[in-house]
């Protein structure tokens, strides 16, 4: 039974361990994006605002302005979803 190129790639990926696997799976842009989101979340946690002013310019450099704006909105929505139940109690 011959393996397809996809199966060979999967086997190579599974054989990689530690740092090699991390470098195979994580692209530099994704790695930088994770750090940008982490930096913005720290800014938001410290000052209670400021995630978007940090994320949008840095994400714009990484992935472009339209995608940066959309990704910032998604990140902010996910980060603040834990506040919804408390706010729903105050709704009359």
C-alpha atoms as a PDB file:
ATOM      1  CA  UNK A   1       0.000   0.000   0.000  1.00  0.00           C
ATOM      2  CA  UNK A   2       1.603   3.251  -1.143  1.00  0.00           C
ATOM      3  CA  UNK A   3       1.326   6.341   1.003  1.00  0.00           C
ATOM      4  CA  UNK A   4       0.133   9.589  -0.482  1.00  0.00           C
ATOM      5  CA  UNK A   5       2.160  12.764  -0.064  1.00  0.00           C
ATOM      6  CA  UNK A   6      -0.322  13.941   2.574  1.00  0.00           C
ATOM      7  CA  UNK A   7       0.177  10.750   4.605  1.00  0.00           C
ATOM      8  CA  UNK A   8       3.964  11.137   4.368  1.00  0.00           C
ATOM      9  CA  UNK A   9       3.699  14.736   5.564  1.00  0.00           C
ATOM     10  CA  UNK A  10       1.525  13.634   8.466  1.00  0.00           C
ATOM     11  CA  UNK A  11       4.012  10.929   9.414  1.00  0.00           C
ATOM     12  CA  UNK A  12       6.897  13.396   9.293  1.00  0.00           C
ATOM     13  CA  UNK A  13       4.925  15.819  11.451  1.00  0.00           C
ATOM     14  CA  UNK A  14       4.134  13.088  13.959  1.00  0.00           C
ATOM     15  CA  UNK A  15       7.791  12.037  14.121  1.00  0.00           C
ATOM     16  CA  UNK A  16       8.915  15.598  14.887  1.00  0.00           C
ATOM     17  CA  UNK A  17       9.136  16.311  18.604  1.00  0.00           C
ATOM     18  CA  UNK A  18       9.729  19.242  20.898  1.00  0.00           C
ATOM     19  CA  UNK A  19      11.041  22.390  19.282  1.00  0.00           C
ATOM     20  CA  UNK A  20      11.095  20.866  15.810  1.00  0.00           C
ATOM     21  CA  UNK A  21       7.360  20.143  15.983  1.00  0.00           C
ATOM     22  CA  UNK A  22       6.680  23.636  17.313  1.00  0.00           C
ATOM     23  CA  UNK A  23       8.580  25.174  14.399  1.00  0.00           C
ATOM     24  CA  UNK A  24       6.767  22.966  11.888  1.00  0.00           C
ATOM     25  CA  UNK A  25       3.289  23.781  13.190  1.00  0.00           C
ATOM     26  CA  UNK A  26       3.676  27.446  14.183  1.00  0.00           C
ATOM     27  CA  UNK A  27       4.486  29.890  11.424  1.00  0.00           C
ATOM     28  CA  UNK A  28       6.350  33.090  12.340  1.00  0.00           C
ATOM     29  CA  UNK A  29       3.317  35.288  11.568  1.00  0.00           C
ATOM     30  CA  UNK A  30       1.086  33.158  13.795  1.00  0.00           C
ATOM     31  CA  UNK A  31       3.704  33.201  16.553  1.00  0.00           C
ATOM     32  CA  UNK A  32       3.980  36.998  16.316  1.00  0.00           C
ATOM     33  CA  UNK A  33       0.180  37.306  16.300  1.00  0.00           C
ATOM     34  CA  UNK A  34      -0.074  35.288  19.502  1.00  0.00           C
ATOM     35  CA  UNK A  35       2.391  37.652  21.149  1.00  0.00           C
ATOM     36  CA  UNK A  36       0.505  40.719  19.903  1.00  0.00           C
ATOM     37  CA  UNK A  37      -2.757  39.380  21.348  1.00  0.00           C
ATOM     38  CA  UNK A  38      -1.009  38.555  24.630  1.00  0.00           C
ATOM     39  CA  UNK A  39       0.470  42.055  24.827  1.00  0.00           C
ATOM     40  CA  UNK A  40      -2.923  43.621  24.103  1.00  0.00           C
ATOM     41  CA  UNK A  41      -4.665  41.466  26.698  1.00  0.00           C
ATOM     42  CA  UNK A  42      -2.092  42.527  29.277  1.00  0.00           C
ATOM     43  CA  UNK A  43      -2.717  46.154  28.379  1.00  0.00           C
ATOM     44  CA  UNK A  44      -6.468  45.646  28.674  1.00  0.00           C
ATOM     45  CA  UNK A  45      -6.147  43.859  32.015  1.00  0.00           C
ATOM     46  CA  UNK A  46      -3.878  46.562  33.434  1.00  0.00           C
ATOM     47  CA  UNK A  47      -5.679  49.662  32.176  1.00  0.00           C
ATOM     48  CA  UNK A  48      -9.180  48.221  31.529  1.00  0.00           C
ATOM     49  CA  UNK A  49      -9.014  49.488  27.945  1.00  0.00           C
ATOM     50  CA  UNK A  50      -6.491  49.715  25.143  1.00  0.00           C
ATOM     51  CA  UNK A  51      -6.556  46.299  23.525  1.00  0.00           C
ATOM     52  CA  UNK A  52      -7.600  47.573  20.116  1.00  0.00           C
ATOM     53  CA  UNK A  53      -5.085  50.456  19.924  1.00  0.00           C
ATOM     54  CA  UNK A  54      -2.344  47.923  20.581  1.00  0.00           C
ATOM     55  CA  UNK A  55      -3.652  45.097  18.379  1.00  0.00           C
ATOM     56  CA  UNK A  56      -4.786  46.899  15.236  1.00  0.00           C
ATOM     57  CA  UNK A  57      -1.489  48.577  14.253  1.00  0.00           C
ATOM     58  CA  UNK A  58       0.581  45.491  15.014  1.00  0.00           C
ATOM     59  CA  UNK A  59      -1.831  43.099  13.304  1.00  0.00           C
ATOM     60  CA  UNK A  60      -1.957  45.495  10.333  1.00  0.00           C
ATOM     61  CA  UNK A  61       1.781  45.073   9.889  1.00  0.00           C
ATOM     62  CA  UNK A  62       1.409  41.288  10.082  1.00  0.00           C
ATOM     63  CA  UNK A  63      -1.735  40.489   8.101  1.00  0.00           C
ATOM     64  CA  UNK A  64      -3.252  43.646   6.586  1.00  0.00           C
ATOM     65  CA  UNK A  65      -5.773  46.268   7.708  1.00  0.00           C
ATOM     66  CA  UNK A  66      -9.065  44.512   6.925  1.00  0.00           C
ATOM     67  CA  UNK A  67      -8.034  41.248   8.545  1.00  0.00           C
ATOM     68  CA  UNK A  68      -6.518  43.129  11.503  1.00  0.00           C
ATOM     69  CA  UNK A  69      -9.779  44.934  12.207  1.00  0.00           C
ATOM     70  CA  UNK A  70     -11.807  41.723  12.002  1.00  0.00           C
ATOM     71  CA  UNK A  71      -9.351  39.749  14.120  1.00  0.00           C
ATOM     72  CA  UNK A  72      -9.298  42.483  16.767  1.00  0.00           C
ATOM     73  CA  UNK A  73     -13.078  42.365  17.013  1.00  0.00           C
ATOM     74  CA  UNK A  74     -13.063  38.585  17.338  1.00  0.00           C
ATOM     75  CA  UNK A  75     -10.306  38.656  19.979  1.00  0.00           C
ATOM     76  CA  UNK A  76     -12.120  41.335  21.967  1.00  0.00           C
ATOM     77  CA  UNK A  77     -15.429  39.474  21.827  1.00  0.00           C
ATOM     78  CA  UNK A  78     -13.824  36.249  23.022  1.00  0.00           C
ATOM     79  CA  UNK A  79     -11.861  38.022  25.743  1.00  0.00           C
ATOM     80  CA  UNK A  80     -14.922  39.806  27.138  1.00  0.00           C
ATOM     81  CA  UNK A  81     -17.489  36.997  26.879  1.00  0.00           C
ATOM     82  CA  UNK A  82     -17.024  36.177  30.579  1.00  0.00           C
ATOM     83  CA  UNK A  83     -18.589  39.563  31.468  1.00  0.00           C
ATOM     84  CA  UNK A  84     -21.894  38.849  29.704  1.00  0.00           C
ATOM     85  CA  UNK A  85     -23.577  36.832  32.498  1.00  0.00           C
ATOM     86  CA  UNK A  86     -22.876  39.588  35.050  1.00  0.00           C
ATOM     87  CA  UNK A  87     -24.233  42.251  32.710  1.00  0.00           C
ATOM     88  CA  UNK A  88     -27.363  40.260  31.896  1.00  0.00           C
ATOM     89  CA  UNK A  89     -28.306  40.330  35.606  1.00  0.00           C
ATOM     90  CA  UNK A  90     -28.443  44.131  35.444  1.00  0.00           C
ATOM     91  CA  UNK A  91     -30.686  44.234  32.359  1.00  0.00           C
ATOM     92  CA  UNK A  92     -34.292  45.042  33.180  1.00  0.00           C
END
